C-alpha atoms as a PDB file:
ATOM      1  CA  MET A   1     -24.549   0.691 -17.594  1.00  0.00           C
ATOM      2  CA  GLY A   2     -21.528  -1.656 -17.477  1.00  0.00           C
ATOM      3  CA  SER A   3     -19.414  -4.402 -15.500  1.00  0.00           C
ATOM      4  CA  ILE A   4     -16.893  -2.587 -13.277  1.00  0.00           C
ATOM      5  CA  GLY A   5     -14.323  -4.673 -11.558  1.00  0.00           C
ATOM      6  CA  TYR A   6     -12.829  -4.415  -8.105  1.00  0.00           C
ATOM      7  CA  ALA A   7      -9.624  -6.196  -7.154  1.00  0.00           C
ATOM      8  CA  ARG A   8      -7.636  -6.141  -3.890  1.00  0.00           C
ATOM      9  CA  VAL A   9      -4.310  -7.413  -2.573  1.00  0.00           C
ATOM     10  CA  SER A  10      -3.464  -7.408   1.010  1.00  0.00           C
ATOM     11  CA  THR A  11       0.261  -6.702   0.903  1.00  0.00           C
ATOM     12  CA  LEU A  12       2.326  -4.130  -1.392  1.00  0.00           C
ATOM     13  CA  GLU A  13       4.405  -7.345  -2.498  1.00  0.00           C
ATOM     14  CA  GLN A  14       1.504  -9.052  -4.109  1.00  0.00           C
ATOM     15  CA  ASN A  15       0.201  -8.080  -7.525  1.00  0.00           C
ATOM     16  CA  ALA A  16      -3.373  -8.254  -8.770  1.00  0.00           C
ATOM     17  CA  ASP A  17      -2.502  -9.481 -12.438  1.00  0.00           C
ATOM     18  CA  LEU A  18      -4.548 -12.647 -11.996  1.00  0.00           C
ATOM     19  CA  GLN A  19      -7.458 -10.739 -10.729  1.00  0.00           C
ATOM     20  CA  HIS A  20      -7.183  -8.121 -13.606  1.00  0.00           C
ATOM     21  CA  ALA A  21      -7.079 -11.028 -16.289  1.00  0.00           C
ATOM     22  CA  ALA A  22     -10.318 -12.780 -14.916  1.00  0.00           C
ATOM     23  CA  LEU A  23     -12.065  -9.358 -14.514  1.00  0.00           C
ATOM     24  CA  THR A  24     -11.246  -8.417 -17.917  1.00  0.00           C
ATOM     25  CA  ALA A  25     -12.374 -11.778 -19.313  1.00  0.00           C
ATOM     26  CA  ALA A  26     -15.495 -11.297 -17.287  1.00  0.00           C
ATOM     27  CA  GLY A  27     -16.232  -8.093 -19.379  1.00  0.00           C
ATOM     28  CA  CYS A  28     -15.114  -5.309 -16.857  1.00  0.00           C
ATOM     29  CA  ASN A  29     -14.443  -2.232 -18.778  1.00  0.00           C
ATOM     30  CA  ARG A  30     -12.974  -0.533 -15.725  1.00  0.00           C
ATOM     31  CA  ILE A  31     -11.158  -1.980 -12.510  1.00  0.00           C
ATOM     32  CA  PHE A  32     -10.687  -0.431  -9.219  1.00  0.00           C
ATOM     33  CA  THR A  33      -7.612  -2.112  -7.243  1.00  0.00           C
ATOM     34  CA  ASP A  34      -6.747  -1.638  -3.538  1.00  0.00           C
ATOM     35  CA  HIS A  35      -2.990  -2.499  -2.863  1.00  0.00           C
ATOM     36  CA  GLY A  36      -1.753  -3.392   0.558  1.00  0.00           C
ATOM     37  CA  VAL A  37      -5.078  -3.063   2.088  1.00  0.00           C
ATOM     38  CA  SER A  38      -6.765  -5.779   4.125  1.00  0.00           C
ATOM     39  CA  GLY A  39     -10.223  -7.061   3.579  1.00  0.00           C
ATOM     40  CA  THR A  40     -11.262  -6.174   7.220  1.00  0.00           C
ATOM     41  CA  THR A  41     -10.220  -2.472   6.829  1.00  0.00           C
ATOM     42  CA  ALA A  42     -13.483  -0.478   6.853  1.00  0.00           C
ATOM     43  CA  SER A  43     -12.175   2.155   4.376  1.00  0.00           C
ATOM     44  CA  ARG A  44     -10.625   1.024   1.175  1.00  0.00           C
ATOM     45  CA  PRO A  45      -9.751   4.081  -1.052  1.00  0.00           C
ATOM     46  CA  GLU A  46     -10.295   2.293  -4.477  1.00  0.00           C
ATOM     47  CA  LEU A  47     -13.368   0.496  -3.142  1.00  0.00           C
ATOM     48  CA  ASP A  48     -14.578   3.879  -2.046  1.00  0.00           C
ATOM     49  CA  LYS A  49     -14.112   5.341  -5.412  1.00  0.00           C
ATOM     50  CA  LEU A  50     -15.879   2.450  -7.072  1.00  0.00           C
ATOM     51  CA  LEU A  51     -18.848   2.937  -4.830  1.00  0.00           C
ATOM     52  CA  ASP A  52     -18.946   6.700  -5.775  1.00  0.00           C
ATOM     53  CA  HIS A  53     -18.537   5.796  -9.487  1.00  0.00           C
ATOM     54  CA  LEU A  54     -21.563   3.422  -9.589  1.00  0.00           C
ATOM     55  CA  ARG A  55     -24.676   4.165 -11.444  1.00  0.00           C
ATOM     56  CA  LYS A  56     -28.036   2.248 -11.434  1.00  0.00           C
ATOM     57  CA  GLY A  57     -27.722  -0.758 -13.707  1.00  0.00           C
ATOM     58  CA  ASP A  58     -24.150  -1.162 -13.183  1.00  0.00           C
ATOM     59  CA  GLU A  59     -22.626  -4.524 -12.043  1.00  0.00           C
ATOM     60  CA  VAL A  60     -19.739  -4.827  -9.674  1.00  0.00           C
ATOM     61  CA  VAL A  61     -17.611  -7.854 -10.499  1.00  0.00           C
ATOM     62  CA  VAL A  62     -14.880  -9.518  -8.174  1.00  0.00           C
ATOM     63  CA  TRP A  63     -12.720 -12.272  -8.775  1.00  0.00           C
ATOM     64  CA  LYS A  64     -13.590 -13.881  -5.404  1.00  0.00           C
ATOM     65  CA  LEU A  65     -15.932 -12.988  -2.641  1.00  0.00           C
ATOM     66  CA  ASP A  66     -13.227 -12.494  -0.114  1.00  0.00           C
ATOM     67  CA  ARG A  67     -11.808  -9.735  -2.152  1.00  0.00           C
ATOM     68  CA  LEU A  68     -14.846  -7.668  -1.419  1.00  0.00           C
ATOM     69  CA  GLY A  69     -15.105  -8.488   2.219  1.00  0.00           C
ATOM     70  CA  ARG A  70     -13.514 -10.713   4.879  1.00  0.00           C
ATOM     71  CA  ASN A  71     -16.668 -11.306   7.051  1.00  0.00           C
ATOM     72  CA  THR A  72     -20.267 -12.207   6.104  1.00  0.00           C
ATOM     73  CA  ARG A  73     -21.916  -9.392   7.912  1.00  0.00           C
ATOM     74  CA  SER A  74     -19.960  -6.488   6.129  1.00  0.00           C
ATOM     75  CA  LEU A  75     -20.094  -8.474   2.735  1.00  0.00           C
ATOM     76  CA  LEU A  76     -23.784  -8.900   2.792  1.00  0.00           C
ATOM     77  CA  ALA A  77     -24.393  -5.363   4.027  1.00  0.00           C
ATOM     78  CA  LEU A  78     -22.262  -4.070   1.026  1.00  0.00           C
ATOM     79  CA  ILE A  79     -24.125  -6.299  -1.445  1.00  0.00           C
ATOM     80  CA  ASP A  80     -27.509  -5.452   0.059  1.00  0.00           C
ATOM     81  CA  ASP A  81     -26.498  -1.646  -0.361  1.00  0.00           C
ATOM     82  CA  LEU A  82     -25.627  -2.295  -3.943  1.00  0.00           C
ATOM     83  CA  GLU A  83     -28.844  -3.939  -4.643  1.00  0.00           C
ATOM     84  CA  HIS A  84     -30.726  -1.043  -3.064  1.00  0.00           C
ATOM     85  CA  ARG A  85     -29.033   1.221  -5.390  1.00  0.00           C
ATOM     86  CA  GLY A  86     -30.062  -0.868  -8.395  1.00  0.00           C
ATOM     87  CA  VAL A  87     -26.522  -2.348  -8.798  1.00  0.00           C
ATOM     88  CA  HIS A  88     -25.727  -6.119  -9.413  1.00  0.00           C
ATOM     89  CA  PHE A  89     -23.102  -7.903  -8.045  1.00  0.00           C
ATOM     90  CA  ARG A  90     -21.195 -11.114  -9.589  1.00  0.00           C
ATOM     91  CA  SER A  91     -18.238 -13.103  -8.251  1.00  0.00           C
ATOM     92  CA  VAL A  92     -16.310 -14.932 -11.092  1.00  0.00           C
ATOM     93  CA  THR A  93     -14.835 -17.702  -9.043  1.00  0.00           C
ATOM     94  CA  GLU A  94     -17.860 -18.778  -7.330  1.00  0.00           C
ATOM     95  CA  GLY A  95     -20.132 -18.339 -10.174  1.00  0.00           C
ATOM     96  CA  ILE A  96     -22.515 -15.979  -7.989  1.00  0.00           C
ATOM     97  CA  SER A  97     -24.597 -13.367  -9.531  1.00  0.00           C
ATOM     98  CA  THR A  98     -27.327 -11.146  -7.595  1.00  0.00           C
ATOM     99  CA  THR A  99     -29.480 -11.000 -10.689  1.00  0.00           C
ATOM    100  CA  GLY A 100     -31.805 -13.833  -9.378  1.00  0.00           C
ATOM    101  CA  PRO A 101     -32.985 -15.063  -5.877  1.00  0.00           C
ATOM    102  CA  MET A 102     -30.890 -18.221  -6.242  1.00  0.00           C
ATOM    103  CA  GLY A 103     -27.746 -16.304  -6.786  1.00  0.00           C
ATOM    104  CA  ARG A 104     -28.524 -14.213  -3.772  1.00  0.00           C
ATOM    105  CA  ALA A 105     -29.279 -17.058  -1.731  1.00  0.00           C
ATOM    106  CA  MET A 106     -26.036 -18.847  -2.574  1.00  0.00           C
ATOM    107  CA  LEU A 107     -24.093 -15.727  -1.808  1.00  0.00           C
ATOM    108  CA  THR A 108     -25.414 -15.808   1.615  1.00  0.00           C
ATOM    109  CA  VAL A 109     -24.684 -19.467   2.203  1.00  0.00           C
ATOM    110  CA  MET A 110     -21.090 -19.140   0.752  1.00  0.00           C
ATOM    111  CA  SER A 111     -20.247 -16.081   2.701  1.00  0.00           C
ATOM    112  CA  ALA A 112     -21.397 -17.886   5.860  1.00  0.00           C
ATOM    113  CA  PHE A 113     -19.017 -20.804   5.151  1.00  0.00           C
ATOM    114  CA  ALA A 114     -16.273 -18.418   4.350  1.00  0.00           C
ATOM    115  CA  GLN A 115     -16.831 -16.743   7.731  1.00  0.00           C
ATOM    116  CA  LEU A 116     -17.037 -20.135   9.403  1.00  0.00           C
ATOM    117  CA  ASP A 117     -13.470 -21.165   7.920  1.00  0.00           C
ATOM    118  CA  ARG A 118     -11.864 -17.821   8.982  1.00  0.00           C
ATOM    119  CA  ASP A 119     -13.444 -18.155  12.713  1.00  0.00           C
ATOM    120  CA  GLN A 120     -12.243 -21.685  12.825  1.00  0.00           C
ATOM    121  CA  LEU A 121      -8.727 -20.761  11.809  1.00  0.00           C
ATOM    122  CA  ALA A 122      -8.730 -17.898  14.459  1.00  0.00           C
ATOM    123  CA  GLU A 123      -9.884 -20.626  17.048  1.00  0.00           C
ATOM    124  CA  ARG A 124      -7.210 -23.059  16.007  1.00  0.00           C
ATOM    125  CA  THR A 125      -4.485 -20.272  16.191  1.00  0.00           C
ATOM    126  CA  ARG A 126      -5.706 -19.207  19.866  1.00  0.00           C
ATOM    127  CA  ALA A 127      -5.819 -22.825  21.036  1.00  0.00           C
ATOM    128  CA  GLY A 128      -2.228 -23.554  19.733  1.00  0.00           C
ATOM    129  CA  MET A 129      -1.114 -20.312  21.320  1.00  0.00           C
ATOM    130  CA  ALA A 130      -2.648 -21.334  24.686  1.00  0.00           C
ATOM    131  CA  VAL A 131      -1.160 -24.904  24.576  1.00  0.00           C
ATOM    132  CA  ALA A 132       2.448 -23.244  23.643  1.00  0.00           C
ATOM    133  CA  ALA A 133       1.984 -21.007  26.584  1.00  0.00           C
ATOM    134  CA  GLU A 134       1.323 -23.817  28.754  1.00  0.00           C
ATOM    135  CA  HIS A 135       4.510 -25.401  27.694  1.00  0.00           C
ATOM    136  CA  GLY A 136       6.424 -22.251  28.414  1.00  0.00           C
ATOM    137  CA  ARG A 137       6.632 -21.145  24.932  1.00  0.00           C
ATOM    138  CA  LYS A 138       5.700 -17.792  23.780  1.00  0.00           C
ATOM    139  CA  ALA A 139       3.973 -17.028  20.307  1.00  0.00           C
ATOM    140  CA  GLY A 140       5.441 -14.552  18.195  1.00  0.00           C
ATOM    141  CA  ARG A 141       8.835 -13.401  17.162  1.00  0.00           C
ATOM    142  CA  ARG A 142      11.688 -13.905  19.631  1.00  0.00           C
ATOM    143  CA  GLU A 143      12.937 -10.691  21.434  1.00  0.00           C
ATOM    144  CA  VAL A 144      16.220  -9.249  20.046  1.00  0.00           C
ATOM    145  CA  THR A 145      18.823  -9.671  22.531  1.00  0.00           C
ATOM    146  CA  THR A 146      20.750  -7.237  24.194  1.00  0.00           C
ATOM    147  CA  ASP A 147      23.195  -9.866  25.891  1.00  0.00           C
ATOM    148  CA  HIS A 148      26.064  -7.915  25.918  1.00  0.00           C
ATOM    149  CA  ASP A 149      28.580 -10.601  27.070  1.00  0.00           C
ATOM    150  CA  ASN A 150      27.483 -12.719  24.157  1.00  0.00           C
ATOM    151  CA  VAL A 151      27.861 -10.025  21.713  1.00  0.00           C
ATOM    152  CA  LYS A 152      31.379  -9.076  23.186  1.00  0.00           C
ATOM    153  CA  TYR A 153      32.270 -12.701  23.057  1.00  0.00           C
ATOM    154  CA  ALA A 154      31.184 -13.127  19.464  1.00  0.00           C
ATOM    155  CA  TRP A 155      33.194 -10.122  18.484  1.00  0.00           C
ATOM    156  CA  GLU A 156      36.421 -11.371  20.139  1.00  0.00           C
ATOM    157  CA  LEU A 157      35.833 -14.823  18.299  1.00  0.00           C
ATOM    158  CA  LYS A 158      35.399 -13.087  15.140  1.00  0.00           C
ATOM    159  CA  ALA A 159      38.604 -11.201  15.799  1.00  0.00           C
ATOM    160  CA  GLN A 160      40.337 -14.528  16.048  1.00  0.00           C
ATOM    161  CA  GLY A 161      39.127 -15.254  12.370  1.00  0.00           C
ATOM    162  CA  LEU A 162      36.257 -17.667  13.333  1.00  0.00           C
ATOM    163  CA  ALA A 163      33.403 -17.939  11.028  1.00  0.00           C
ATOM    164  CA  PRO A 164      29.898 -17.060  12.106  1.00  0.00           C
ATOM    165  CA  ALA A 165      28.782 -20.750  12.062  1.00  0.00           C
ATOM    166  CA  ASP A 166      31.644 -21.816  14.171  1.00  0.00           C
ATOM    167  CA  ILE A 167      30.910 -18.873  16.571  1.00  0.00           C
ATOM    168  CA  GLY A 168      27.386 -19.945  17.017  1.00  0.00           C
ATOM    169  CA  LYS A 169      28.512 -23.493  17.853  1.00  0.00           C
ATOM    170  CA  ILE A 170      30.841 -22.147  20.612  1.00  0.00           C
ATOM    171  CA  ILE A 171      28.410 -19.621  22.152  1.00  0.00           C
ATOM    172  CA  GLY A 172      25.278 -21.897  21.575  1.00  0.00           C
ATOM    173  CA  ALA A 173      23.519 -19.668  19.050  1.00  0.00           C
ATOM    174  CA  SER A 174      22.377 -19.828  15.562  1.00  0.00           C
ATOM    175  CA  ARG A 175      24.382 -18.227  12.719  1.00  0.00           C
ATOM    176  CA  ALA A 176      21.518 -15.752  12.282  1.00  0.00           C
ATOM    177  CA  THR A 177      21.941 -14.769  15.872  1.00  0.00           C
ATOM    178  CA  VAL A 178      25.572 -14.430  15.552  1.00  0.00           C
ATOM    179  CA  TYR A 179      25.193 -12.200  12.651  1.00  0.00           C
ATOM    180  CA  ARG A 180      22.733  -9.998  14.775  1.00  0.00           C
ATOM    181  CA  TYR A 181      25.134 -10.059  17.616  1.00  0.00           C
ATOM    182  CA  LEU A 182      27.895  -8.849  15.204  1.00  0.00           C
ATOM    183  CA  SER A 183      25.674  -6.091  13.953  1.00  0.00           C
ATOM    184  CA  ILE A 184      24.830  -4.885  17.581  1.00  0.00           C
ATOM    185  CA  GLY A 185      28.430  -4.900  18.444  1.00  0.00           C
ATOM    186  CA  ALA A 186      29.280  -2.782  15.239  1.00  0.00           C
ATOM    187  CA  VAL A 187      26.709  -0.239  16.364  1.00  0.00           C
ATOM    188  CA  GLU A 188      27.981  -0.040  19.758  1.00  0.00           C
ATOM    189  CA  ALA A 189      31.340   0.195  18.495  1.00  0.00           C
ATOM    190  CA  VAL A 190      30.563   3.317  16.763  1.00  0.00           C
END
Protein backbone atom coordinates (compact mmCIF):
# COMPACT_ATOMS: atom_id res chain seq x y z
CA MET A 1 0.00 0.00 0.00
CA GLY A 2 1.33 3.37 -0.97
CA SER A 3 0.79 6.70 -2.64
CA ILE A 4 1.49 6.55 -6.35
CA GLY A 5 1.63 9.72 -8.41
CA TYR A 6 0.48 10.42 -11.93
CA ALA A 7 1.74 13.42 -13.93
CA ARG A 8 0.95 14.46 -17.48
CA VAL A 9 2.10 17.19 -19.84
CA SER A 10 0.35 17.80 -23.15
CA THR A 11 3.39 18.59 -25.30
CA LEU A 12 6.90 17.23 -25.49
CA GLU A 13 8.27 20.76 -24.92
CA GLN A 14 6.65 20.99 -21.48
CA ASN A 15 8.17 19.37 -18.44
CA ALA A 16 6.53 17.84 -15.41
CA ASP A 17 9.02 19.12 -12.79
CA LEU A 18 6.40 21.16 -10.91
CA GLN A 19 4.05 18.19 -10.80
CA HIS A 20 6.83 15.82 -9.70
CA ALA A 21 7.86 18.16 -6.87
CA ALA A 22 4.27 18.43 -5.61
CA LEU A 23 3.70 14.67 -5.86
CA THR A 24 6.95 13.89 -4.04
CA ALA A 25 6.01 16.38 -1.30
CA ALA A 26 2.60 14.64 -1.09
CA GLY A 27 4.36 11.39 -0.21
CA CYS A 28 4.40 9.55 -3.54
CA ASN A 29 7.03 6.84 -3.65
CA ARG A 30 6.55 6.26 -7.40
CA ILE A 31 5.39 8.60 -10.19
CA PHE A 32 4.14 7.63 -13.64
CA THR A 33 4.43 10.45 -16.22
CA ASP A 34 2.93 10.80 -19.67
CA HIS A 35 4.77 13.26 -21.94
CA GLY A 36 3.14 14.83 -24.99
CA VAL A 37 -0.23 13.21 -24.37
CA SER A 38 -3.52 15.09 -24.33
CA GLY A 39 -5.90 14.54 -21.44
CA THR A 40 -8.61 13.75 -23.98
CA THR A 41 -6.68 10.77 -25.33
CA ALA A 42 -8.32 7.53 -24.26
CA SER A 43 -5.10 5.55 -24.03
CA ARG A 44 -2.20 7.09 -22.15
CA PRO A 45 0.70 4.64 -21.84
CA GLU A 46 1.94 5.65 -18.39
CA LEU A 47 -1.59 5.93 -16.98
CA ASP A 48 -2.26 2.43 -18.30
CA LYS A 49 0.90 1.19 -16.54
CA LEU A 50 -0.17 2.93 -13.34
CA LEU A 51 -3.59 1.30 -13.46
CA ASP A 52 -1.99 -2.13 -13.96
CA HIS A 53 0.40 -1.48 -11.06
CA LEU A 54 -2.28 -0.55 -8.49
CA ARG A 55 -3.26 -2.83 -5.62
CA LYS A 56 -6.09 -2.61 -3.11
CA GLY A 57 -5.30 0.02 -0.48
CA ASP A 58 -3.11 2.13 -2.80
CA GLU A 59 -3.76 5.81 -3.38
CA VAL A 60 -3.47 7.58 -6.75
CA VAL A 61 -2.27 11.16 -6.34
CA VAL A 62 -2.37 13.89 -9.00
CA TRP A 63 -1.25 17.51 -8.91
CA LYS A 64 -4.56 18.74 -10.39
CA LEU A 65 -7.77 17.02 -11.51
CA ASP A 66 -7.23 17.93 -15.17
CA ARG A 67 -4.02 15.88 -15.25
CA LEU A 68 -6.09 12.71 -14.87
CA GLY A 69 -8.91 13.55 -17.27
CA ARG A 70 -10.25 16.46 -19.31
CA ASN A 71 -13.97 15.76 -19.10
CA THR A 72 -16.24 15.04 -16.17
CA ARG A 73 -17.62 11.75 -17.46
CA SER A 74 -14.26 10.05 -18.05
CA LEU A 75 -12.71 11.49 -14.89
CA LEU A 76 -15.56 10.29 -12.69
CA ALA A 77 -15.64 6.88 -14.43
CA LEU A 78 -11.91 6.43 -13.79
CA ILE A 79 -12.20 7.44 -10.13
CA ASP A 80 -15.26 5.21 -9.72
CA ASP A 81 -13.22 2.32 -11.14
CA LEU A 82 -10.44 3.08 -8.65
CA GLU A 83 -12.91 3.06 -5.77
CA HIS A 84 -14.36 -0.31 -6.87
CA ARG A 85 -10.82 -1.70 -6.87
CA GLY A 86 -10.26 -0.41 -3.31
CA VAL A 87 -7.90 2.35 -4.49
CA HIS A 88 -8.25 5.89 -3.14
CA PHE A 89 -7.73 9.11 -5.10
CA ARG A 90 -6.29 12.46 -4.04
CA SER A 91 -5.77 15.75 -5.88
CA VAL A 92 -3.08 17.89 -4.26
CA THR A 93 -4.02 21.33 -5.62
CA GLU A 94 -7.76 21.04 -5.06
CA GLY A 95 -7.29 19.28 -1.72
CA ILE A 96 -9.75 16.54 -2.62
CA SER A 97 -9.57 12.98 -1.38
CA THR A 98 -12.02 10.13 -1.98
CA THR A 99 -11.45 8.67 1.46
CA GLY A 100 -14.72 10.22 2.67
CA PRO A 101 -18.17 11.10 1.31
CA MET A 102 -17.52 14.87 1.36
CA GLY A 103 -14.39 14.42 -0.78
CA ARG A 104 -16.30 12.37 -3.33
CA ALA A 105 -19.06 14.99 -3.48
CA MET A 106 -16.55 17.83 -3.91
CA LEU A 107 -14.80 15.89 -6.65
CA THR A 108 -18.05 15.58 -8.59
CA VAL A 109 -18.85 19.28 -8.20
CA MET A 110 -15.34 20.49 -9.10
CA SER A 111 -15.00 18.25 -12.14
CA ALA A 112 -18.44 19.45 -13.33
CA PHE A 113 -17.24 23.07 -13.08
CA ALA A 114 -14.03 22.22 -14.90
CA GLN A 115 -16.07 20.61 -17.69
CA LEU A 116 -18.33 23.69 -17.82
CA ASP A 117 -15.28 25.92 -18.18
CA ARG A 118 -13.89 23.83 -21.07
CA ASP A 119 -17.31 23.74 -22.78
CA GLN A 120 -17.67 27.53 -22.49
CA LEU A 121 -14.20 28.06 -23.93
CA ALA A 122 -15.03 25.83 -26.90
CA GLU A 123 -18.34 27.66 -27.37
CA ARG A 124 -16.61 31.08 -27.34
CA THR A 125 -14.05 29.82 -29.84
CA ARG A 126 -16.76 28.56 -32.21
CA ALA A 127 -18.69 31.84 -31.86
CA GLY A 128 -15.56 33.87 -32.62
CA MET A 129 -14.84 31.75 -35.68
CA ALA A 130 -18.43 32.23 -36.91
CA VAL A 131 -18.19 36.04 -36.53
CA ALA A 132 -14.84 36.03 -38.33
CA ALA A 133 -16.36 33.97 -41.17
CA GLU A 134 -19.23 36.47 -41.47
CA HIS A 135 -16.62 39.19 -42.00
CA GLY A 136 -14.79 37.15 -44.62
CA ARG A 137 -11.95 36.04 -42.38
CA LYS A 138 -10.95 32.41 -42.18
CA ALA A 139 -9.77 30.84 -38.93
CA GLY A 140 -6.44 29.10 -38.73
CA ARG A 141 -3.07 29.64 -40.28
CA ARG A 142 -2.93 31.36 -43.63
CA GLU A 143 -2.19 29.20 -46.60
CA VAL A 144 1.36 29.19 -47.86
CA THR A 145 1.36 31.16 -51.06
CA THR A 146 2.54 29.88 -54.37
CA ASP A 147 2.26 33.31 -56.00
CA HIS A 148 5.09 32.75 -58.48
CA ASP A 149 5.03 36.35 -59.73
CA ASN A 150 5.70 37.74 -56.25
CA VAL A 151 8.31 35.06 -55.58
CA LYS A 152 10.11 35.94 -58.81
CA TYR A 153 9.83 39.69 -58.10
CA ALA A 154 11.17 39.21 -54.56
CA TRP A 155 14.19 37.40 -55.99
CA GLU A 156 14.77 40.16 -58.54
CA LEU A 157 14.66 42.80 -55.78
CA LYS A 158 17.01 40.74 -53.64
CA ALA A 159 19.43 40.49 -56.57
CA GLN A 160 19.41 44.30 -56.66
CA GLY A 161 20.63 44.27 -53.04
CA LEU A 162 17.43 45.21 -51.24
CA ALA A 163 16.81 43.95 -47.71
CA PRO A 164 13.77 41.69 -47.03
CA ALA A 165 12.00 44.47 -45.08
CA ASP A 166 12.35 46.82 -48.08
CA ILE A 167 11.24 44.10 -50.50
CA GLY A 168 8.16 43.59 -48.32
CA LYS A 169 7.26 47.29 -48.53
CA ILE A 170 7.55 47.25 -52.31
CA ILE A 171 5.49 44.08 -52.91
CA GLY A 172 3.08 44.66 -49.99
CA ALA A 173 4.08 41.66 -47.90
CA SER A 174 5.49 41.14 -44.42
CA ARG A 175 9.17 40.45 -43.92
CA ALA A 176 8.31 36.86 -42.91
CA THR A 177 6.41 36.41 -46.18
CA VAL A 178 9.38 37.77 -48.12
CA TYR A 179 11.65 35.24 -46.43
CA ARG A 180 9.14 32.52 -47.33
CA TYR A 181 9.09 33.75 -50.96
CA LEU A 182 12.87 33.71 -51.04
CA SER A 183 12.96 30.17 -49.65
CA ILE A 184 10.38 29.05 -52.23
CA GLY A 185 12.44 30.64 -54.99
CA ALA A 186 15.57 28.91 -53.70
CA VAL A 187 13.84 25.54 -53.89
CA GLU A 188 12.51 26.25 -57.37
CA ALA A 189 15.91 27.44 -58.57
CA VAL A 190 17.51 24.08 -57.67
